[in-house]
Amino acid sequence: MHIPAASVAYGHGRYASGALTHAPRVESERLILRGPERGDIEHVVAFLMDAEHAEGFGHIPQRGDAWRWFAMLVGHWQLHGFGYFVIEEKATGDPVGMTGVWFPESWPEPELGYLLFRGHEGKGYGFEAASRARRWAYEDLGLTTLTSNIVPSNAKSKALATRLGAVYERTYNNENMGEDELWRHPGPEAID
């Protein structure tokens, strides 16, 4: 049986359910953190394919590879029970970025990751979302420590990590990103 590519990619007919994971819905003052949905594919793919904007996260120039990264995002939730949330702006319902706990094979330990889609920087969303995701990781997952793995040239990510209270710990070789800095976040006892 042949299924057209668009039907698989965007979910038509009986495959049209939006939810792709059992991720909880977590809220902050202005944002909703929720699991990835079919409607988020274009936003995530556009981010990943944007060479300038995704440089510090991992630019993926080929659309098919970016689509597969989205599928990996969904699979990460299925395998671990946690992953990147999509950040949704409460006022508009628009997806504005992603944050959450990332721990694929070869990562040194669970990472608090964060990114904003183009046009949503400068509003404090990164700090608000990452702070809420970190609290969820400590309170709901029972984690006692988190790191952020940051490409040395990513000044914006380092600034946010510093604002979150993280401190540089060491440099290591990330098999996916090359040279990476590991920044240690304060533990659950040190945050409000």
N, C-alpha and C. Protein backbone atom coordinates (compact mmCIF):
# COMPACT_ATOMS: atom_id res chain seq x y z
N MET A 1 0.84 -1.18 0.00
CA MET A 1 0.00 0.00 0.00
C MET A 1 0.88 1.24 0.00
N HIS A 2 0.62 2.17 -0.87
CA HIS A 2 1.38 3.40 -0.98
C HIS A 2 0.66 4.50 -0.19
N ILE A 3 1.39 5.17 0.72
CA ILE A 3 0.85 6.30 1.47
C ILE A 3 1.61 7.54 1.01
N PRO A 4 0.91 8.55 0.49
CA PRO A 4 1.60 9.76 0.03
C PRO A 4 2.40 10.39 1.17
N ALA A 5 3.58 10.94 0.84
CA ALA A 5 4.47 11.51 1.86
C ALA A 5 3.77 12.57 2.70
N ALA A 6 2.97 13.45 2.10
CA ALA A 6 2.31 14.51 2.86
C ALA A 6 1.36 13.93 3.90
N SER A 7 0.70 12.84 3.58
CA SER A 7 -0.21 12.23 4.55
C SER A 7 0.53 11.75 5.78
N VAL A 8 1.69 11.18 5.57
CA VAL A 8 2.49 10.71 6.70
C VAL A 8 3.04 11.89 7.48
N ALA A 9 3.55 12.89 6.77
CA ALA A 9 4.20 14.02 7.43
C ALA A 9 3.23 14.86 8.25
N TYR A 10 2.02 15.03 7.76
CA TYR A 10 1.13 15.97 8.41
C TYR A 10 -0.09 15.34 9.07
N GLY A 11 -0.25 14.06 8.95
CA GLY A 11 -1.32 13.36 9.65
C GLY A 11 -2.70 13.66 9.11
N HIS A 12 -3.15 12.88 8.18
CA HIS A 12 -4.50 13.03 7.63
C HIS A 12 -5.33 11.82 8.00
N GLY A 13 -6.63 11.99 7.90
CA GLY A 13 -7.53 10.87 8.14
C GLY A 13 -7.40 10.33 9.56
N ARG A 14 -7.36 9.01 9.68
CA ARG A 14 -7.32 8.41 11.01
C ARG A 14 -5.99 8.60 11.72
N TYR A 15 -4.98 9.13 11.03
CA TYR A 15 -3.67 9.38 11.63
C TYR A 15 -3.51 10.85 12.03
N ALA A 16 -4.60 11.60 12.13
CA ALA A 16 -4.52 13.05 12.30
C ALA A 16 -4.37 13.53 13.74
N SER A 17 -4.30 12.68 14.72
CA SER A 17 -4.16 13.11 16.11
C SER A 17 -2.98 14.05 16.26
N GLY A 18 -3.17 15.17 16.98
CA GLY A 18 -2.11 16.14 17.18
C GLY A 18 -1.05 15.68 18.17
N ALA A 19 -1.49 15.04 19.25
CA ALA A 19 -0.55 14.63 20.30
C ALA A 19 0.34 13.49 19.80
N LEU A 20 1.64 13.61 20.06
CA LEU A 20 2.58 12.58 19.64
C LEU A 20 3.27 11.91 20.82
N THR A 21 3.12 12.47 22.01
CA THR A 21 3.75 11.93 23.21
C THR A 21 2.77 12.01 24.38
N HIS A 22 3.20 11.49 25.50
CA HIS A 22 2.42 11.62 26.74
C HIS A 22 3.02 12.69 27.64
N ALA A 23 3.70 13.65 27.05
CA ALA A 23 4.33 14.73 27.81
C ALA A 23 3.28 15.50 28.60
N PRO A 24 3.61 15.88 29.82
CA PRO A 24 2.66 16.69 30.59
C PRO A 24 2.55 18.10 30.02
N ARG A 25 1.57 18.80 30.47
CA ARG A 25 1.40 20.22 30.15
C ARG A 25 1.83 20.99 31.40
N VAL A 26 2.85 21.81 31.25
CA VAL A 26 3.43 22.55 32.37
C VAL A 26 3.31 24.03 32.04
N GLU A 27 2.88 24.84 33.00
CA GLU A 27 2.66 26.25 32.71
C GLU A 27 3.53 27.16 33.56
N SER A 28 3.82 28.32 33.00
CA SER A 28 4.46 29.42 33.71
C SER A 28 3.54 30.62 33.52
N GLU A 29 4.00 31.78 33.91
CA GLU A 29 3.14 32.96 33.84
C GLU A 29 2.62 33.23 32.43
N ARG A 30 3.51 33.21 31.43
CA ARG A 30 3.11 33.57 30.06
C ARG A 30 3.16 32.43 29.07
N LEU A 31 3.65 31.26 29.53
CA LEU A 31 3.95 30.18 28.60
C LEU A 31 3.34 28.85 29.01
N ILE A 32 3.14 28.00 28.02
CA ILE A 32 2.75 26.61 28.23
C ILE A 32 3.87 25.76 27.66
N LEU A 33 4.35 24.80 28.44
CA LEU A 33 5.31 23.82 27.95
C LEU A 33 4.52 22.54 27.71
N ARG A 34 4.56 22.03 26.49
CA ARG A 34 3.76 20.85 26.14
C ARG A 34 4.57 19.97 25.20
N GLY A 35 4.10 18.76 25.03
CA GLY A 35 4.76 17.84 24.13
C GLY A 35 4.65 18.28 22.68
N PRO A 36 5.55 17.80 21.85
CA PRO A 36 5.49 18.13 20.42
C PRO A 36 4.24 17.55 19.78
N GLU A 37 3.68 18.30 18.86
CA GLU A 37 2.48 17.91 18.12
C GLU A 37 2.76 17.99 16.62
N ARG A 38 1.93 17.35 15.83
CA ARG A 38 2.12 17.37 14.37
C ARG A 38 2.22 18.79 13.83
N GLY A 39 1.43 19.68 14.38
CA GLY A 39 1.44 21.06 13.91
C GLY A 39 2.73 21.81 14.17
N ASP A 40 3.61 21.23 14.97
CA ASP A 40 4.90 21.87 15.28
C ASP A 40 5.99 21.53 14.27
N ILE A 41 5.74 20.56 13.41
CA ILE A 41 6.78 20.08 12.50
C ILE A 41 7.39 21.22 11.70
N GLU A 42 6.57 22.04 11.08
CA GLU A 42 7.11 23.11 10.22
C GLU A 42 7.92 24.11 11.01
N HIS A 43 7.51 24.43 12.23
CA HIS A 43 8.26 25.39 13.06
C HIS A 43 9.64 24.84 13.41
N VAL A 44 9.68 23.58 13.81
CA VAL A 44 10.95 22.97 14.20
C VAL A 44 11.86 22.79 12.98
N VAL A 45 11.31 22.31 11.89
CA VAL A 45 12.11 22.11 10.67
C VAL A 45 12.67 23.46 10.19
N ALA A 46 11.84 24.51 10.20
CA ALA A 46 12.32 25.83 9.77
C ALA A 46 13.46 26.31 10.66
N PHE A 47 13.33 26.11 11.98
CA PHE A 47 14.42 26.49 12.88
C PHE A 47 15.69 25.73 12.55
N LEU A 48 15.60 24.42 12.44
CA LEU A 48 16.79 23.59 12.20
C LEU A 48 17.47 23.91 10.88
N MET A 49 16.70 24.29 9.87
CA MET A 49 17.26 24.58 8.55
C MET A 49 17.80 26.00 8.43
N ASP A 50 17.57 26.84 9.41
CA ASP A 50 18.05 28.22 9.42
C ASP A 50 19.50 28.23 9.90
N ALA A 51 20.44 28.32 8.96
CA ALA A 51 21.87 28.17 9.28
C ALA A 51 22.34 29.14 10.35
N GLU A 52 21.93 30.38 10.26
CA GLU A 52 22.37 31.39 11.23
C GLU A 52 21.73 31.15 12.60
N HIS A 53 20.44 30.95 12.62
CA HIS A 53 19.71 30.87 13.89
C HIS A 53 19.97 29.56 14.64
N ALA A 54 20.15 28.47 13.94
CA ALA A 54 20.34 27.16 14.58
C ALA A 54 21.81 26.79 14.75
N GLU A 55 22.71 27.70 14.42
CA GLU A 55 24.14 27.37 14.45
C GLU A 55 24.59 26.78 15.78
N GLY A 56 24.24 27.38 16.89
CA GLY A 56 24.68 26.90 18.20
C GLY A 56 23.92 25.69 18.69
N PHE A 57 22.82 25.35 18.04
CA PHE A 57 22.01 24.20 18.45
C PHE A 57 22.35 22.98 17.62
N GLY A 58 22.59 23.22 16.35
CA GLY A 58 22.85 22.13 15.42
C GLY A 58 22.06 22.32 14.14
N HIS A 59 22.60 23.16 13.26
CA HIS A 59 21.97 23.42 11.97
C HIS A 59 21.89 22.14 11.15
N ILE A 60 20.73 21.89 10.56
CA ILE A 60 20.52 20.72 9.70
C ILE A 60 20.05 21.24 8.34
N PRO A 61 20.90 21.24 7.33
CA PRO A 61 20.57 21.88 6.06
C PRO A 61 19.55 21.12 5.20
N GLN A 62 19.44 19.82 5.37
CA GLN A 62 18.52 19.04 4.54
C GLN A 62 17.18 18.86 5.23
N ARG A 63 16.09 19.17 4.51
CA ARG A 63 14.75 19.09 5.09
C ARG A 63 14.44 17.69 5.63
N GLY A 64 14.79 16.66 4.89
CA GLY A 64 14.52 15.29 5.34
C GLY A 64 15.22 14.97 6.65
N ASP A 65 16.46 15.44 6.80
CA ASP A 65 17.19 15.22 8.05
C ASP A 65 16.57 16.01 9.20
N ALA A 66 16.11 17.22 8.92
CA ALA A 66 15.44 18.03 9.95
C ALA A 66 14.13 17.36 10.38
N TRP A 67 13.39 16.81 9.42
CA TRP A 67 12.16 16.09 9.74
C TRP A 67 12.48 14.88 10.62
N ARG A 68 13.55 14.16 10.29
CA ARG A 68 13.95 13.01 11.11
C ARG A 68 14.37 13.44 12.52
N TRP A 69 14.97 14.62 12.66
CA TRP A 69 15.31 15.12 14.00
C TRP A 69 14.02 15.32 14.80
N PHE A 70 12.96 15.84 14.14
CA PHE A 70 11.68 16.00 14.83
C PHE A 70 11.16 14.64 15.30
N ALA A 71 11.29 13.63 14.44
CA ALA A 71 10.86 12.28 14.83
C ALA A 71 11.70 11.78 16.01
N MET A 72 12.98 12.12 16.03
CA MET A 72 13.83 11.74 17.17
C MET A 72 13.36 12.44 18.44
N LEU A 73 12.93 13.68 18.32
CA LEU A 73 12.38 14.42 19.46
C LEU A 73 11.20 13.66 20.07
N VAL A 74 10.31 13.20 19.22
CA VAL A 74 9.16 12.42 19.68
C VAL A 74 9.63 11.10 20.31
N GLY A 75 10.56 10.42 19.66
CA GLY A 75 11.09 9.17 20.18
C GLY A 75 11.79 9.32 21.51
N HIS A 76 12.46 10.44 21.72
CA HIS A 76 13.13 10.69 23.00
C HIS A 76 12.12 10.66 24.14
N TRP A 77 10.95 11.28 23.94
CA TRP A 77 9.89 11.22 24.96
C TRP A 77 9.44 9.78 25.20
N GLN A 78 9.32 9.01 24.12
CA GLN A 78 8.85 7.63 24.25
C GLN A 78 9.85 6.76 24.99
N LEU A 79 11.14 6.97 24.74
CA LEU A 79 12.18 6.14 25.35
C LEU A 79 12.49 6.54 26.78
N HIS A 80 12.50 7.83 27.06
CA HIS A 80 12.92 8.32 28.38
C HIS A 80 11.77 8.77 29.28
N GLY A 81 10.64 9.14 28.69
CA GLY A 81 9.57 9.73 29.49
C GLY A 81 9.79 11.22 29.73
N PHE A 82 10.76 11.79 29.06
CA PHE A 82 11.03 13.23 29.11
C PHE A 82 11.71 13.62 27.81
N GLY A 83 11.81 14.91 27.58
CA GLY A 83 12.44 15.41 26.36
C GLY A 83 12.24 16.90 26.25
N TYR A 84 12.31 17.41 25.02
CA TYR A 84 12.06 18.83 24.79
C TYR A 84 10.56 19.08 24.74
N PHE A 85 10.13 20.05 25.51
CA PHE A 85 8.77 20.58 25.39
C PHE A 85 8.77 21.60 24.25
N VAL A 86 7.63 21.76 23.61
CA VAL A 86 7.43 22.92 22.75
C VAL A 86 6.92 24.03 23.66
N ILE A 87 7.49 25.21 23.51
CA ILE A 87 7.07 26.38 24.29
C ILE A 87 5.97 27.07 23.51
N GLU A 88 4.82 27.23 24.13
CA GLU A 88 3.69 27.88 23.49
C GLU A 88 3.37 29.17 24.24
N GLU A 89 3.19 30.23 23.52
CA GLU A 89 2.81 31.51 24.11
C GLU A 89 1.33 31.45 24.48
N LYS A 90 1.01 31.68 25.76
CA LYS A 90 -0.40 31.59 26.20
C LYS A 90 -1.30 32.57 25.46
N ALA A 91 -0.83 33.79 25.27
CA ALA A 91 -1.67 34.84 24.69
C ALA A 91 -2.10 34.53 23.26
N THR A 92 -1.24 33.84 22.49
CA THR A 92 -1.54 33.62 21.07
C THR A 92 -1.72 32.16 20.69
N GLY A 93 -1.18 31.25 21.53
CA GLY A 93 -1.18 29.83 21.17
C GLY A 93 -0.09 29.47 20.19
N ASP A 94 0.79 30.42 19.86
CA ASP A 94 1.86 30.18 18.90
C ASP A 94 3.02 29.44 19.55
N PRO A 95 3.62 28.47 18.84
CA PRO A 95 4.87 27.87 19.33
C PRO A 95 6.00 28.88 19.15
N VAL A 96 6.80 29.08 20.22
CA VAL A 96 7.85 30.08 20.17
C VAL A 96 9.25 29.50 20.38
N GLY A 97 9.34 28.20 20.69
CA GLY A 97 10.64 27.58 20.89
C GLY A 97 10.50 26.22 21.54
N MET A 98 11.60 25.73 22.10
CA MET A 98 11.61 24.45 22.80
C MET A 98 12.55 24.53 24.00
N THR A 99 12.22 23.77 25.03
CA THR A 99 13.09 23.62 26.19
C THR A 99 12.76 22.30 26.86
N GLY A 100 13.67 21.78 27.62
CA GLY A 100 13.40 20.55 28.36
C GLY A 100 14.67 19.80 28.65
N VAL A 101 14.51 18.54 29.00
CA VAL A 101 15.63 17.69 29.38
C VAL A 101 15.96 16.76 28.22
N TRP A 102 17.21 16.78 27.81
CA TRP A 102 17.69 16.03 26.65
C TRP A 102 18.81 15.11 27.12
N PHE A 103 18.70 13.82 26.80
CA PHE A 103 19.71 12.87 27.25
C PHE A 103 19.82 11.71 26.26
N PRO A 104 20.23 12.02 25.00
CA PRO A 104 20.39 10.94 24.03
C PRO A 104 21.65 10.12 24.32
N GLU A 105 21.75 9.00 23.67
CA GLU A 105 22.95 8.18 23.76
C GLU A 105 24.17 9.05 23.47
N SER A 106 25.21 8.90 24.25
CA SER A 106 26.50 9.59 24.15
C SER A 106 26.55 10.92 24.90
N TRP A 107 25.43 11.43 25.40
CA TRP A 107 25.47 12.66 26.19
C TRP A 107 26.06 12.33 27.56
N PRO A 108 26.86 13.21 28.14
CA PRO A 108 27.50 12.88 29.41
C PRO A 108 26.52 12.75 30.57
N GLU A 109 25.43 13.51 30.54
CA GLU A 109 24.39 13.46 31.58
C GLU A 109 23.20 14.27 31.10
N PRO A 110 22.07 14.23 31.81
CA PRO A 110 20.90 14.98 31.35
C PRO A 110 21.19 16.47 31.21
N GLU A 111 20.71 17.01 30.11
CA GLU A 111 20.95 18.42 29.77
C GLU A 111 19.65 19.20 29.79
N LEU A 112 19.70 20.40 30.35
CA LEU A 112 18.61 21.36 30.20
C LEU A 112 18.91 22.14 28.93
N GLY A 113 18.12 21.90 27.90
CA GLY A 113 18.31 22.58 26.62
C GLY A 113 17.23 23.61 26.41
N TYR A 114 17.52 24.57 25.55
CA TYR A 114 16.56 25.64 25.28
C TYR A 114 16.88 26.28 23.95
N LEU A 115 15.85 26.73 23.26
CA LEU A 115 16.00 27.47 22.01
C LEU A 115 14.71 28.22 21.76
N LEU A 116 14.83 29.33 21.07
CA LEU A 116 13.66 30.11 20.66
C LEU A 116 13.64 30.20 19.14
N PHE A 117 12.44 30.13 18.58
CA PHE A 117 12.29 30.29 17.14
C PHE A 117 12.52 31.76 16.77
N ARG A 118 12.91 31.97 15.54
CA ARG A 118 13.20 33.33 15.06
C ARG A 118 11.99 34.25 15.32
N GLY A 119 12.30 35.45 15.82
CA GLY A 119 11.26 36.44 16.07
C GLY A 119 10.72 36.43 17.49
N HIS A 120 11.17 35.49 18.31
CA HIS A 120 10.64 35.40 19.68
C HIS A 120 11.71 35.66 20.75
N GLU A 121 12.88 36.11 20.34
CA GLU A 121 13.94 36.44 21.28
C GLU A 121 13.66 37.82 21.90
N GLY A 122 14.32 38.07 23.02
CA GLY A 122 14.24 39.40 23.63
C GLY A 122 13.00 39.67 24.45
N LYS A 123 12.21 38.65 24.74
CA LYS A 123 10.98 38.82 25.52
C LYS A 123 11.06 38.14 26.88
N GLY A 124 12.20 37.53 27.18
CA GLY A 124 12.36 36.81 28.44
C GLY A 124 11.79 35.40 28.41
N TYR A 125 11.35 34.93 27.23
CA TYR A 125 10.75 33.60 27.14
C TYR A 125 11.76 32.49 27.43
N GLY A 126 12.99 32.66 26.98
CA GLY A 126 14.00 31.63 27.20
C GLY A 126 14.21 31.38 28.69
N PHE A 127 14.38 32.44 29.45
CA PHE A 127 14.59 32.32 30.90
C PHE A 127 13.37 31.73 31.58
N GLU A 128 12.19 32.26 31.24
CA GLU A 128 10.96 31.78 31.88
C GLU A 128 10.71 30.31 31.59
N ALA A 129 10.88 29.90 30.33
CA ALA A 129 10.62 28.51 29.95
C ALA A 129 11.66 27.56 30.52
N ALA A 130 12.94 27.92 30.42
CA ALA A 130 14.00 27.04 30.93
C ALA A 130 13.93 26.91 32.44
N SER A 131 13.59 28.00 33.13
CA SER A 131 13.43 27.93 34.60
C SER A 131 12.32 26.97 34.97
N ARG A 132 11.21 27.05 34.23
CA ARG A 132 10.07 26.17 34.53
C ARG A 132 10.38 24.73 34.18
N ALA A 133 11.07 24.50 33.07
CA ALA A 133 11.45 23.13 32.69
C ALA A 133 12.42 22.54 33.72
N ARG A 134 13.34 23.34 34.20
CA ARG A 134 14.29 22.86 35.21
C ARG A 134 13.56 22.49 36.50
N ARG A 135 12.63 23.33 36.93
CA ARG A 135 11.84 23.03 38.14
C ARG A 135 11.06 21.72 37.96
N TRP A 136 10.48 21.53 36.77
CA TRP A 136 9.75 20.29 36.48
C TRP A 136 10.69 19.09 36.56
N ALA A 137 11.90 19.24 36.01
CA ALA A 137 12.86 18.13 36.03
C ALA A 137 13.23 17.75 37.46
N TYR A 138 13.40 18.73 38.32
CA TYR A 138 13.76 18.47 39.71
C TYR A 138 12.57 17.93 40.51
N GLU A 139 11.42 18.57 40.36
CA GLU A 139 10.26 18.19 41.17
C GLU A 139 9.56 16.94 40.67
N ASP A 140 9.39 16.81 39.38
CA ASP A 140 8.60 15.71 38.84
C ASP A 140 9.43 14.50 38.41
N LEU A 141 10.61 14.75 37.88
CA LEU A 141 11.48 13.64 37.46
C LEU A 141 12.40 13.19 38.59
N GLY A 142 12.58 14.03 39.60
CA GLY A 142 13.46 13.68 40.71
C GLY A 142 14.94 13.83 40.39
N LEU A 143 15.28 14.55 39.32
CA LEU A 143 16.69 14.77 39.01
C LEU A 143 17.31 15.67 40.07
N THR A 144 18.57 15.49 40.34
CA THR A 144 19.26 16.28 41.35
C THR A 144 20.31 17.21 40.76
N THR A 145 20.56 17.08 39.47
CA THR A 145 21.51 17.96 38.79
C THR A 145 21.16 18.00 37.31
N LEU A 146 21.51 19.10 36.68
CA LEU A 146 21.35 19.27 35.23
C LEU A 146 22.53 20.06 34.70
N THR A 147 22.83 19.85 33.44
CA THR A 147 23.85 20.64 32.76
C THR A 147 23.23 21.26 31.52
N SER A 148 23.91 22.21 30.96
CA SER A 148 23.62 22.69 29.60
C SER A 148 24.91 22.53 28.82
N ASN A 149 24.81 21.91 27.66
CA ASN A 149 25.97 21.69 26.79
C ASN A 149 25.95 22.79 25.74
N ILE A 150 26.98 23.63 25.74
CA ILE A 150 26.95 24.84 24.93
C ILE A 150 28.18 24.90 24.02
N VAL A 151 27.94 25.11 22.73
CA VAL A 151 29.01 25.32 21.77
C VAL A 151 29.76 26.58 22.20
N PRO A 152 31.09 26.54 22.25
CA PRO A 152 31.85 27.68 22.77
C PRO A 152 31.51 29.04 22.17
N SER A 153 31.11 29.09 20.91
CA SER A 153 30.82 30.37 20.26
C SER A 153 29.40 30.89 20.54
N ASN A 154 28.58 30.13 21.28
CA ASN A 154 27.19 30.52 21.48
C ASN A 154 27.04 31.43 22.70
N ALA A 155 27.32 32.72 22.49
CA ALA A 155 27.29 33.71 23.57
C ALA A 155 25.90 33.87 24.18
N LYS A 156 24.85 33.80 23.34
CA LYS A 156 23.49 33.97 23.86
C LYS A 156 23.12 32.83 24.81
N SER A 157 23.50 31.62 24.47
CA SER A 157 23.20 30.47 25.33
C SER A 157 23.98 30.57 26.64
N LYS A 158 25.22 31.01 26.56
CA LYS A 158 26.03 31.18 27.78
C LYS A 158 25.42 32.26 28.68
N ALA A 159 24.93 33.34 28.08
CA ALA A 159 24.31 34.40 28.86
C ALA A 159 23.06 33.89 29.58
N LEU A 160 22.25 33.10 28.89
CA LEU A 160 21.06 32.55 29.53
C LEU A 160 21.44 31.54 30.61
N ALA A 161 22.43 30.70 30.34
CA ALA A 161 22.88 29.75 31.36
C ALA A 161 23.35 30.48 32.62
N THR A 162 24.09 31.56 32.42
CA THR A 162 24.56 32.36 33.56
C THR A 162 23.38 32.96 34.31
N ARG A 163 22.41 33.49 33.59
CA ARG A 163 21.21 34.06 34.22
C ARG A 163 20.45 33.00 35.02
N LEU A 164 20.49 31.76 34.54
CA LEU A 164 19.83 30.64 35.23
C LEU A 164 20.65 30.15 36.43
N GLY A 165 21.85 30.70 36.62
CA GLY A 165 22.69 30.31 37.74
C GLY A 165 23.68 29.20 37.42
N ALA A 166 23.75 28.78 36.16
CA ALA A 166 24.69 27.72 35.77
C ALA A 166 26.11 28.30 35.70
N VAL A 167 27.09 27.44 35.93
CA VAL A 167 28.49 27.85 35.85
C VAL A 167 29.26 26.88 34.95
N TYR A 168 30.22 27.43 34.24
CA TYR A 168 31.07 26.61 33.37
C TYR A 168 31.81 25.59 34.23
N GLU A 169 31.81 24.32 33.78
CA GLU A 169 32.50 23.26 34.50
C GLU A 169 33.69 22.70 33.73
N ARG A 170 33.47 22.40 32.43
CA ARG A 170 34.56 21.81 31.66
C ARG A 170 34.21 21.83 30.18
N THR A 171 35.21 21.59 29.36
CA THR A 171 35.03 21.44 27.92
C THR A 171 35.23 19.97 27.59
N TYR A 172 34.43 19.45 26.68
CA TYR A 172 34.55 18.05 26.26
C TYR A 172 34.22 17.94 24.78
N ASN A 173 34.48 16.78 24.21
CA ASN A 173 34.18 16.54 22.80
C ASN A 173 32.83 15.85 22.68
N ASN A 174 31.86 16.58 22.14
CA ASN A 174 30.53 16.04 21.88
C ASN A 174 30.57 15.42 20.49
N GLU A 175 30.27 14.13 20.37
CA GLU A 175 30.42 13.46 19.07
C GLU A 175 29.50 14.03 18.00
N ASN A 176 28.44 14.77 18.39
CA ASN A 176 27.55 15.39 17.41
C ASN A 176 27.91 16.84 17.10
N MET A 177 28.42 17.54 18.10
CA MET A 177 28.64 18.98 17.97
C MET A 177 30.12 19.37 17.94
N GLY A 178 31.01 18.44 18.26
CA GLY A 178 32.43 18.79 18.37
C GLY A 178 32.72 19.33 19.77
N GLU A 179 33.58 20.34 19.84
CA GLU A 179 33.92 20.91 21.13
C GLU A 179 32.69 21.54 21.77
N ASP A 180 32.42 21.17 23.00
CA ASP A 180 31.24 21.63 23.73
C ASP A 180 31.64 21.98 25.14
N GLU A 181 30.98 22.98 25.70
CA GLU A 181 31.19 23.33 27.10
C GLU A 181 30.05 22.78 27.93
N LEU A 182 30.36 22.22 29.06
CA LEU A 182 29.36 21.71 29.99
C LEU A 182 29.19 22.74 31.10
N TRP A 183 27.99 23.26 31.25
CA TRP A 183 27.66 24.25 32.28
C TRP A 183 26.76 23.57 33.30
N ARG A 184 27.09 23.67 34.57
CA ARG A 184 26.36 23.00 35.66
C ARG A 184 25.32 23.95 36.27
N HIS A 185 24.08 23.47 36.34
CA HIS A 185 23.00 24.26 36.95
C HIS A 185 22.96 24.03 38.46
N PRO A 186 22.46 25.00 39.20
CA PRO A 186 22.27 24.78 40.64
C PRO A 186 21.28 23.65 40.85
N GLY A 187 21.45 22.91 41.91
CA GLY A 187 20.55 21.79 42.22
C GLY A 187 19.21 22.27 42.74
N PRO A 188 18.31 21.34 42.99
CA PRO A 188 16.96 21.71 43.41
C PRO A 188 16.92 22.50 44.72
N GLU A 189 17.87 22.24 45.61
CA GLU A 189 17.88 22.95 46.89
C GLU A 189 18.27 24.41 46.75
N ALA A 190 18.87 24.78 45.61
CA ALA A 190 19.38 26.14 45.43
C ALA A 190 18.47 27.03 44.59
N ILE A 191 17.36 26.47 44.07
CA ILE A 191 16.45 27.30 43.27
C ILE A 191 15.11 27.40 43.98
N ASP A 192 14.36 28.43 43.61
CA ASP A 192 13.05 28.61 44.25
C ASP A 192 11.97 27.85 43.57
